[in-house]
Amino acid sequence: MSEESAKLVELQSKDKQSFKVEREVIKLSGLVKDMLEEGEEDDVPIIPVPNVDSKPLQKVIEYCQYHHKEPAQEIEKPLKGKIEDVICDWDKKFLDSLDQSLLIELIMAANYLNIKDLLDLTCAKVASMIKGKSPEQIREMFGIENDFTPEEEAKIREENKWCEEA
């Protein structure tokens, strides 16, 4: 086994795209880290990532390449202000490069791959997007169909009135 290949891992996306990544970089993923610790010392282990398409996987790799040397700042929960006020400039640019559907795919990828800091970042972005919006505005923003009858919706609003008072 060559020294150079010993440092690489090959990730294979749901759509069969392959990405070679340094082991230390992708170990930000709890899932991949566990698989590497359990696996054999192949030249370049191939790790299938069946729940993640290539586009969000590329973004995961980009995030890991930056943050494996520059640990992410913890994001306060609940998010009190704007997300832009609590993250580094690199993370701001990273989030700005994502359209809404890629952001959602990235949340699912971060969750599947067990990358807590990326999951926190992307979820905080969604939280900041919906902050102060009505349920109707949120449904419109994300293309969510309202499947409640007016009576069910009125009952839910009454039961959760305390939320809106806070």
C-alpha atoms as a PDB file:
ATOM      1  CA  MET A   1       0.000   0.000   0.000  1.00  0.00           C
ATOM      2  CA  SER A   2       1.473   3.344  -0.995  1.00  0.00           C
ATOM      3  CA  GLU A   3       1.767   6.036   1.646  1.00  0.00           C
ATOM      4  CA  GLU A   4      -0.262   8.471  -0.441  1.00  0.00           C
ATOM      5  CA  SER A   5      -3.192   6.100  -1.004  1.00  0.00           C
ATOM      6  CA  ALA A   6      -3.230   5.171   2.688  1.00  0.00           C
ATOM      7  CA  LYS A   7      -4.324   8.718   3.390  1.00  0.00           C
ATOM      8  CA  LEU A   8      -7.270   8.624   0.967  1.00  0.00           C
ATOM      9  CA  VAL A   9     -10.837   7.380   1.082  1.00  0.00           C
ATOM     10  CA  GLU A  10     -13.135   7.079  -1.896  1.00  0.00           C
ATOM     11  CA  LEU A  11     -16.728   8.098  -1.273  1.00  0.00           C
ATOM     12  CA  GLN A  12     -19.312   6.851  -3.734  1.00  0.00           C
ATOM     13  CA  SER A  13     -22.536   8.866  -3.927  1.00  0.00           C
ATOM     14  CA  LYS A  14     -26.062   7.601  -4.522  1.00  0.00           C
ATOM     15  CA  ASP A  15     -25.722   8.548  -8.209  1.00  0.00           C
ATOM     16  CA  LYS A  16     -22.457   6.528  -8.442  1.00  0.00           C
ATOM     17  CA  GLN A  17     -20.064   9.503  -8.555  1.00  0.00           C
ATOM     18  CA  SER A  18     -16.758   8.874  -6.775  1.00  0.00           C
ATOM     19  CA  PHE A  19     -14.772  11.378  -4.745  1.00  0.00           C
ATOM     20  CA  LYS A  20     -11.307  10.787  -3.318  1.00  0.00           C
ATOM     21  CA  VAL A  21     -10.853  12.568  -0.001  1.00  0.00           C
ATOM     22  CA  GLU A  22      -8.137  12.596   2.630  1.00  0.00           C
ATOM     23  CA  ARG A  23      -8.995  10.317   5.553  1.00  0.00           C
ATOM     24  CA  GLU A  24      -8.347  13.001   8.151  1.00  0.00           C
ATOM     25  CA  VAL A  25     -10.654  15.413   6.325  1.00  0.00           C
ATOM     26  CA  ILE A  26     -13.631  13.085   6.052  1.00  0.00           C
ATOM     27  CA  LYS A  27     -13.239  11.826   9.618  1.00  0.00           C
ATOM     28  CA  LEU A  28     -15.374  14.839  10.564  1.00  0.00           C
ATOM     29  CA  SER A  29     -18.151  12.444   9.582  1.00  0.00           C
ATOM     30  CA  GLY A  30     -18.908  10.190  12.535  1.00  0.00           C
ATOM     31  CA  LEU A  31     -20.295   7.569  10.152  1.00  0.00           C
ATOM     32  CA  VAL A  32     -17.181   7.467   7.947  1.00  0.00           C
ATOM     33  CA  LYS A  33     -14.857   7.596  10.963  1.00  0.00           C
ATOM     34  CA  ASP A  34     -16.598   4.557  12.478  1.00  0.00           C
ATOM     35  CA  MET A  35     -16.470   2.690   9.156  1.00  0.00           C
ATOM     36  CA  LEU A  36     -12.742   3.387   8.794  1.00  0.00           C
ATOM     37  CA  GLU A  37     -12.030   2.186  12.319  1.00  0.00           C
ATOM     38  CA  GLU A  38     -13.945  -1.038  11.693  1.00  0.00           C
ATOM     39  CA  GLY A  39     -12.645  -1.655   8.166  1.00  0.00           C
ATOM     40  CA  GLU A  40      -9.528  -3.207   6.773  1.00  0.00           C
ATOM     41  CA  GLU A  41      -6.519  -1.206   5.640  1.00  0.00           C
ATOM     42  CA  ASP A  42      -7.347  -1.197   1.931  1.00  0.00           C
ATOM     43  CA  ASP A  43      -5.234   0.912  -0.399  1.00  0.00           C
ATOM     44  CA  VAL A  44      -8.121   3.310  -0.916  1.00  0.00           C
ATOM     45  CA  PRO A  45     -11.266   2.086   0.808  1.00  0.00           C
ATOM     46  CA  ILE A  46     -14.478   2.694  -1.122  1.00  0.00           C
ATOM     47  CA  ILE A  47     -17.256   3.883   1.129  1.00  0.00           C
ATOM     48  CA  PRO A  48     -20.736   3.911  -0.401  1.00  0.00           C
ATOM     49  CA  VAL A  49     -22.917   6.819   0.646  1.00  0.00           C
ATOM     50  CA  PRO A  50     -26.258   5.521  -0.662  1.00  0.00           C
ATOM     51  CA  ASN A  51     -28.419   8.295   0.816  1.00  0.00           C
ATOM     52  CA  VAL A  52     -26.491  11.245  -0.622  1.00  0.00           C
ATOM     53  CA  ASP A  53     -26.330  12.482  -4.235  1.00  0.00           C
ATOM     54  CA  SER A  54     -23.091  13.856  -5.673  1.00  0.00           C
ATOM     55  CA  LYS A  55     -23.988  17.556  -5.444  1.00  0.00           C
ATOM     56  CA  PRO A  56     -24.590  17.643  -1.667  1.00  0.00           C
ATOM     57  CA  LEU A  57     -21.691  15.211  -1.161  1.00  0.00           C
ATOM     58  CA  GLN A  58     -19.360  17.677  -2.912  1.00  0.00           C
ATOM     59  CA  LYS A  59     -20.558  20.369  -0.494  1.00  0.00           C
ATOM     60  CA  VAL A  60     -20.013  18.043   2.473  1.00  0.00           C
ATOM     61  CA  ILE A  61     -16.443  17.453   1.296  1.00  0.00           C
ATOM     62  CA  GLU A  62     -15.887  21.184   0.766  1.00  0.00           C
ATOM     63  CA  TYR A  63     -17.125  21.874   4.310  1.00  0.00           C
ATOM     64  CA  CYS A  64     -14.938  19.125   5.807  1.00  0.00           C
ATOM     65  CA  GLN A  65     -11.852  20.278   3.890  1.00  0.00           C
ATOM     66  CA  TYR A  66     -12.130  23.710   5.471  1.00  0.00           C
ATOM     67  CA  HIS A  67     -13.281  22.749   8.958  1.00  0.00           C
ATOM     68  CA  HIS A  68     -10.934  19.858   9.635  1.00  0.00           C
ATOM     69  CA  LYS A  69      -8.219  22.487  10.232  1.00  0.00           C
ATOM     70  CA  GLU A  70     -10.496  25.360  11.281  1.00  0.00           C
ATOM     71  CA  PRO A  71     -12.969  23.944  13.816  1.00  0.00           C
ATOM     72  CA  ALA A  72     -16.461  25.363  13.447  1.00  0.00           C
ATOM     73  CA  GLN A  73     -17.713  27.866  15.973  1.00  0.00           C
ATOM     74  CA  GLU A  74     -20.527  26.569  18.156  1.00  0.00           C
ATOM     75  CA  ILE A  75     -23.896  28.036  17.203  1.00  0.00           C
ATOM     76  CA  GLU A  76     -26.077  29.138  20.090  1.00  0.00           C
ATOM     77  CA  LYS A  77     -29.401  27.367  20.524  1.00  0.00           C
ATOM     78  CA  PRO A  78     -31.921  28.768  20.260  1.00  0.00           C
ATOM     79  CA  LEU A  79     -30.573  31.162  17.673  1.00  0.00           C
ATOM     80  CA  LYS A  80     -31.225  34.597  19.138  1.00  0.00           C
ATOM     81  CA  GLY A  81     -30.209  36.868  16.272  1.00  0.00           C
ATOM     82  CA  LYS A  82     -29.188  36.416  12.677  1.00  0.00           C
ATOM     83  CA  ILE A  83     -27.056  33.431  11.786  1.00  0.00           C
ATOM     84  CA  GLU A  84     -24.653  35.750   9.945  1.00  0.00           C
ATOM     85  CA  ASP A  85     -23.715  37.318  13.297  1.00  0.00           C
ATOM     86  CA  VAL A  86     -22.511  34.063  14.862  1.00  0.00           C
ATOM     87  CA  ILE A  87     -20.622  32.266  12.079  1.00  0.00           C
ATOM     88  CA  CYS A  88     -17.278  32.838  10.375  1.00  0.00           C
ATOM     89  CA  ASP A  89     -16.933  34.503   6.959  1.00  0.00           C
ATOM     90  CA  TRP A  90     -16.136  31.186   5.271  1.00  0.00           C
ATOM     91  CA  ASP A  91     -19.394  29.672   6.576  1.00  0.00           C
ATOM     92  CA  LYS A  92     -21.320  32.745   5.382  1.00  0.00           C
ATOM     93  CA  LYS A  93     -19.956  32.315   1.855  1.00  0.00           C
ATOM     94  CA  PHE A  94     -20.602  28.578   2.034  1.00  0.00           C
ATOM     95  CA  LEU A  95     -24.256  29.106   2.979  1.00  0.00           C
ATOM     96  CA  ASP A  96     -24.653  31.807   0.318  1.00  0.00           C
ATOM     97  CA  SER A  97     -23.531  29.299  -2.319  1.00  0.00           C
ATOM     98  CA  LEU A  98     -26.495  27.019  -1.559  1.00  0.00           C
ATOM     99  CA  ASP A  99     -29.925  27.248  -3.093  1.00  0.00           C
ATOM    100  CA  GLN A 100     -32.849  26.163  -0.955  1.00  0.00           C
ATOM    101  CA  SER A 101     -33.139  22.604  -2.301  1.00  0.00           C
ATOM    102  CA  LEU A 102     -29.387  21.995  -1.914  1.00  0.00           C
ATOM    103  CA  LEU A 103     -29.596  23.367   1.646  1.00  0.00           C
ATOM    104  CA  ILE A 104     -32.284  20.795   2.480  1.00  0.00           C
ATOM    105  CA  GLU A 105     -30.276  17.995   0.815  1.00  0.00           C
ATOM    106  CA  LEU A 106     -27.223  19.104   2.791  1.00  0.00           C
ATOM    107  CA  ILE A 107     -29.162  18.911   6.067  1.00  0.00           C
ATOM    108  CA  MET A 108     -30.131  15.334   5.242  1.00  0.00           C
ATOM    109  CA  ALA A 109     -26.550  14.481   4.185  1.00  0.00           C
ATOM    110  CA  ALA A 110     -25.062  15.991   7.365  1.00  0.00           C
ATOM    111  CA  ASN A 111     -27.566  14.043   9.438  1.00  0.00           C
ATOM    112  CA  TYR A 112     -26.882  10.766   7.610  1.00  0.00           C
ATOM    113  CA  LEU A 113     -23.105  11.220   7.726  1.00  0.00           C
ATOM    114  CA  ASN A 114     -23.234  12.362  11.357  1.00  0.00           C
ATOM    115  CA  ILE A 115     -21.453  15.699  10.894  1.00  0.00           C
ATOM    116  CA  LYS A 116     -22.855  17.620  13.846  1.00  0.00           C
ATOM    117  CA  ASP A 117     -21.302  21.006  13.085  1.00  0.00           C
ATOM    118  CA  LEU A 118     -22.564  20.977   9.490  1.00  0.00           C
ATOM    119  CA  LEU A 119     -26.006  19.855  10.648  1.00  0.00           C
ATOM    120  CA  ASP A 120     -26.083  22.660  13.232  1.00  0.00           C
ATOM    121  CA  LEU A 121     -24.994  25.219  10.635  1.00  0.00           C
ATOM    122  CA  THR A 122     -27.538  24.226   8.002  1.00  0.00           C
ATOM    123  CA  CYS A 123     -30.393  23.871  10.501  1.00  0.00           C
ATOM    124  CA  ALA A 124     -29.551  27.279  11.968  1.00  0.00           C
ATOM    125  CA  LYS A 125     -29.731  28.707   8.437  1.00  0.00           C
ATOM    126  CA  VAL A 126     -33.247  27.288   8.006  1.00  0.00           C
ATOM    127  CA  ALA A 127     -34.203  28.554  11.475  1.00  0.00           C
ATOM    128  CA  SER A 128     -33.055  32.054  10.524  1.00  0.00           C
ATOM    129  CA  MET A 129     -35.004  31.812   7.241  1.00  0.00           C
ATOM    130  CA  ILE A 130     -38.293  31.000   8.993  1.00  0.00           C
ATOM    131  CA  LYS A 131     -37.847  33.204  12.052  1.00  0.00           C
ATOM    132  CA  GLY A 132     -40.740  35.651  12.340  1.00  0.00           C
ATOM    133  CA  LYS A 133     -42.677  34.067   9.481  1.00  0.00           C
ATOM    134  CA  SER A 134     -46.264  32.836   9.704  1.00  0.00           C
ATOM    135  CA  PRO A 135     -47.071  29.171   9.046  1.00  0.00           C
ATOM    136  CA  GLU A 136     -48.550  30.244   5.707  1.00  0.00           C
ATOM    137  CA  GLN A 137     -45.343  32.059   4.713  1.00  0.00           C
ATOM    138  CA  ILE A 138     -43.248  29.048   5.722  1.00  0.00           C
ATOM    139  CA  ARG A 139     -45.467  26.696   3.719  1.00  0.00           C
ATOM    140  CA  GLU A 140     -45.114  28.954   0.704  1.00  0.00           C
ATOM    141  CA  MET A 141     -41.340  29.250   1.143  1.00  0.00           C
ATOM    142  CA  PHE A 142     -40.837  25.476   1.199  1.00  0.00           C
ATOM    143  CA  GLY A 143     -43.720  24.423  -1.041  1.00  0.00           C
ATOM    144  CA  ILE A 144     -45.548  22.615   1.765  1.00  0.00           C
ATOM    145  CA  GLU A 145     -49.212  21.833   1.202  1.00  0.00           C
ATOM    146  CA  ASN A 146     -51.563  22.655   4.083  1.00  0.00           C
ATOM    147  CA  ASP A 147     -53.371  19.400   4.782  1.00  0.00           C
ATOM    148  CA  PHE A 148     -55.290  20.626   7.858  1.00  0.00           C
ATOM    149  CA  THR A 149     -58.956  21.438   7.734  1.00  0.00           C
ATOM    150  CA  PRO A 150     -59.787  24.948   9.025  1.00  0.00           C
ATOM    151  CA  GLU A 151     -61.206  23.318  12.181  1.00  0.00           C
ATOM    152  CA  GLU A 152     -58.027  21.292  12.807  1.00  0.00           C
ATOM    153  CA  GLU A 153     -55.879  24.357  12.240  1.00  0.00           C
ATOM    154  CA  ALA A 154     -57.958  26.450  14.663  1.00  0.00           C
ATOM    155  CA  LYS A 155     -57.667  23.715  17.311  1.00  0.00           C
ATOM    156  CA  ILE A 156     -53.884  23.503  16.893  1.00  0.00           C
ATOM    157  CA  ARG A 157     -53.533  27.299  17.090  1.00  0.00           C
ATOM    158  CA  GLU A 158     -55.585  27.312  20.300  1.00  0.00           C
ATOM    159  CA  GLU A 159     -53.535  24.488  21.857  1.00  0.00           C
ATOM    160  CA  ASN A 160     -50.264  26.238  20.959  1.00  0.00           C
ATOM    161  CA  LYS A 161     -51.238  29.835  21.667  1.00  0.00           C
ATOM    162  CA  TRP A 162     -48.446  29.998  24.232  1.00  0.00           C
ATOM    163  CA  CYS A 163     -45.851  29.649  21.427  1.00  0.00           C
ATOM    164  CA  GLU A 164     -46.929  32.839  19.742  1.00  0.00           C
ATOM    165  CA  GLU A 165     -46.941  34.767  23.021  1.00  0.00           C
ATOM    166  CA  ALA A 166     -43.237  34.059  23.628  1.00  0.00           C
END
